[in-house]
Amino acid sequence: MKIGEFLALKRRQLGLSQKQLASLSGINYVQINRYEKNVSAPTKSTMEKLAVSLKIPKHILFNDTNYIQKEILRHEIDTIISFDIPDKELRALRELTGIILDNLKKVNKKVDNFYTNQ
């Protein structure tokens, strides 16, 4: 999971620049750029500020890596689908996407089970 990629995606979905997000959150825009590039990781208090500014429920940023992975994957797929792709290839891409999402759920379940049984 790349939290920076998710933060950048949510910022762009709201139509915000990094400077605008910085103004809303009280975080320096240079630091926001570092988070989005995964150069550094935000602290818990910074994550809370970003969650409020980006209108993301806090529990998603702190606990729901599956949701974040799906959002990033969904965005990447939507970007690919926006290209002019013949129907046959598009159907294959959608089928592959379903397989990837199913496997992602299985992996996350195994990880959750592993940590639950520790």
Protein backbone atom coordinates (compact mmCIF):
# COMPACT_ATOMS: atom_id res chain seq x y z
CA MET A 1 0.00 0.00 0.00
CA LYS A 2 1.25 3.44 -0.87
CA ILE A 3 -0.47 5.97 1.34
CA GLY A 4 1.10 8.84 -0.59
CA GLU A 5 -0.46 7.67 -3.82
CA PHE A 6 -3.85 7.49 -2.10
CA LEU A 7 -3.48 10.99 -0.64
CA ALA A 8 -2.56 12.40 -4.06
CA LEU A 9 -5.51 10.62 -5.67
CA LYS A 10 -7.98 12.01 -3.12
CA ARG A 11 -6.48 15.51 -3.43
CA ARG A 12 -6.86 15.46 -7.21
CA GLN A 13 -10.42 14.10 -6.95
CA LEU A 14 -11.29 17.18 -4.89
CA GLY A 15 -9.63 19.40 -7.49
CA LEU A 16 -7.04 20.70 -5.03
CA SER A 17 -3.44 21.64 -5.68
CA GLN A 18 -0.81 20.73 -3.12
CA LYS A 19 -0.68 24.38 -2.04
CA GLN A 20 -4.46 24.46 -1.58
CA LEU A 21 -4.33 21.28 0.52
CA ALA A 22 -1.50 22.82 2.52
CA SER A 23 -3.63 25.86 3.22
CA LEU A 24 -6.62 23.74 4.27
CA SER A 25 -4.62 21.39 6.48
CA GLY A 26 -1.99 23.71 7.91
CA ILE A 27 0.77 21.47 6.56
CA ASN A 28 3.59 22.87 4.44
CA TYR A 29 3.05 22.08 0.74
CA VAL A 30 6.64 20.84 0.41
CA GLN A 31 5.88 18.27 3.10
CA ILE A 32 2.65 17.26 1.33
CA ASN A 33 4.71 16.68 -1.80
CA ARG A 34 7.07 14.44 0.20
CA TYR A 35 4.13 12.44 1.57
CA GLU A 36 2.59 12.00 -1.88
CA LYS A 37 5.91 10.77 -3.27
CA ASN A 38 6.29 8.41 -0.28
CA VAL A 39 9.59 10.10 0.60
CA SER A 40 8.42 10.54 4.18
CA ALA A 41 5.48 9.29 6.20
CA PRO A 42 3.00 11.57 7.95
CA THR A 43 2.60 11.35 11.72
CA LYS A 44 -0.72 10.35 13.26
CA SER A 45 -1.67 13.99 13.94
CA THR A 46 -0.74 14.95 10.38
CA MET A 47 -2.82 12.06 9.02
CA GLU A 48 -5.78 13.33 11.04
CA LYS A 49 -5.39 16.82 9.51
CA LEU A 50 -5.14 15.33 6.02
CA ALA A 51 -8.19 13.12 6.60
CA VAL A 52 -10.30 16.14 7.59
CA SER A 53 -9.01 18.27 4.70
CA LEU A 54 -9.52 15.48 2.14
CA LYS A 55 -12.91 14.47 3.56
CA ILE A 56 -11.75 10.93 4.28
CA PRO A 57 -13.08 9.08 7.33
CA LYS A 58 -10.13 8.75 9.73
CA HIS A 59 -10.59 5.00 10.18
CA ILE A 60 -9.85 4.49 6.47
CA LEU A 61 -6.44 6.14 6.68
CA PHE A 62 -5.50 4.30 9.86
CA ASN A 63 -7.10 0.88 9.47
CA ASP A 64 -8.48 0.09 6.04
CA THR A 65 -5.58 -0.76 3.74
CA ASN A 66 -7.90 -2.91 1.62
CA TYR A 67 -10.08 0.13 0.84
CA ILE A 68 -7.02 2.22 -0.03
CA GLN A 69 -5.63 -0.49 -2.33
CA LYS A 70 -9.00 -0.85 -4.06
CA GLU A 71 -9.31 2.90 -4.57
CA ILE A 72 -5.85 3.12 -6.12
CA LEU A 73 -6.52 0.11 -8.33
CA ARG A 74 -9.96 1.44 -9.33
CA HIS A 75 -8.40 4.75 -10.34
CA GLU A 76 -5.71 3.02 -12.40
CA ILE A 77 -8.33 0.88 -14.12
CA ASP A 78 -10.55 3.88 -14.85
CA THR A 79 -7.55 5.62 -16.38
CA ILE A 80 -6.83 2.62 -18.61
CA ILE A 81 -10.48 2.26 -19.59
CA SER A 82 -10.61 5.92 -20.61
CA PHE A 83 -8.25 5.05 -23.46
CA ASP A 84 -9.66 3.85 -26.76
CA ILE A 85 -9.42 0.10 -26.25
CA PRO A 86 -11.25 -2.44 -28.45
CA ASP A 87 -14.18 -4.19 -26.69
CA LYS A 88 -12.50 -7.60 -26.64
CA GLU A 89 -9.45 -6.28 -24.81
CA LEU A 90 -11.63 -4.19 -22.51
CA ARG A 91 -13.64 -7.28 -21.48
CA ALA A 92 -10.39 -9.13 -20.78
CA LEU A 93 -9.16 -6.20 -18.69
CA ARG A 94 -12.38 -6.14 -16.65
CA GLU A 95 -12.15 -9.90 -16.06
CA LEU A 96 -8.52 -9.58 -14.99
CA THR A 97 -9.48 -6.74 -12.65
CA GLY A 98 -12.07 -8.95 -10.97
CA ILE A 99 -9.47 -11.67 -10.47
CA ILE A 100 -7.00 -9.18 -8.99
CA LEU A 101 -9.59 -7.77 -6.57
CA ASP A 102 -10.64 -11.28 -5.49
CA ASN A 103 -7.02 -12.24 -4.82
CA LEU A 104 -6.45 -9.00 -2.94
CA LYS A 105 -9.35 -9.84 -0.63
CA LYS A 106 -7.91 -13.33 -0.02
CA VAL A 107 -4.45 -11.96 0.79
CA ASN A 108 -5.85 -9.34 3.16
CA LYS A 109 -7.95 -11.98 4.90
CA LYS A 110 -4.88 -14.20 5.38
CA VAL A 111 -2.89 -11.28 6.77
CA ASP A 112 -5.73 -10.36 9.15
CA ASN A 113 -5.98 -14.00 10.28
CA PHE A 114 -2.23 -14.18 10.81
CA TYR A 115 -2.21 -11.12 13.07
CA THR A 116 -5.36 -12.22 14.89
CA ASN A 117 -3.76 -15.56 15.78
CA GLN A 118 -0.50 -14.05 17.06
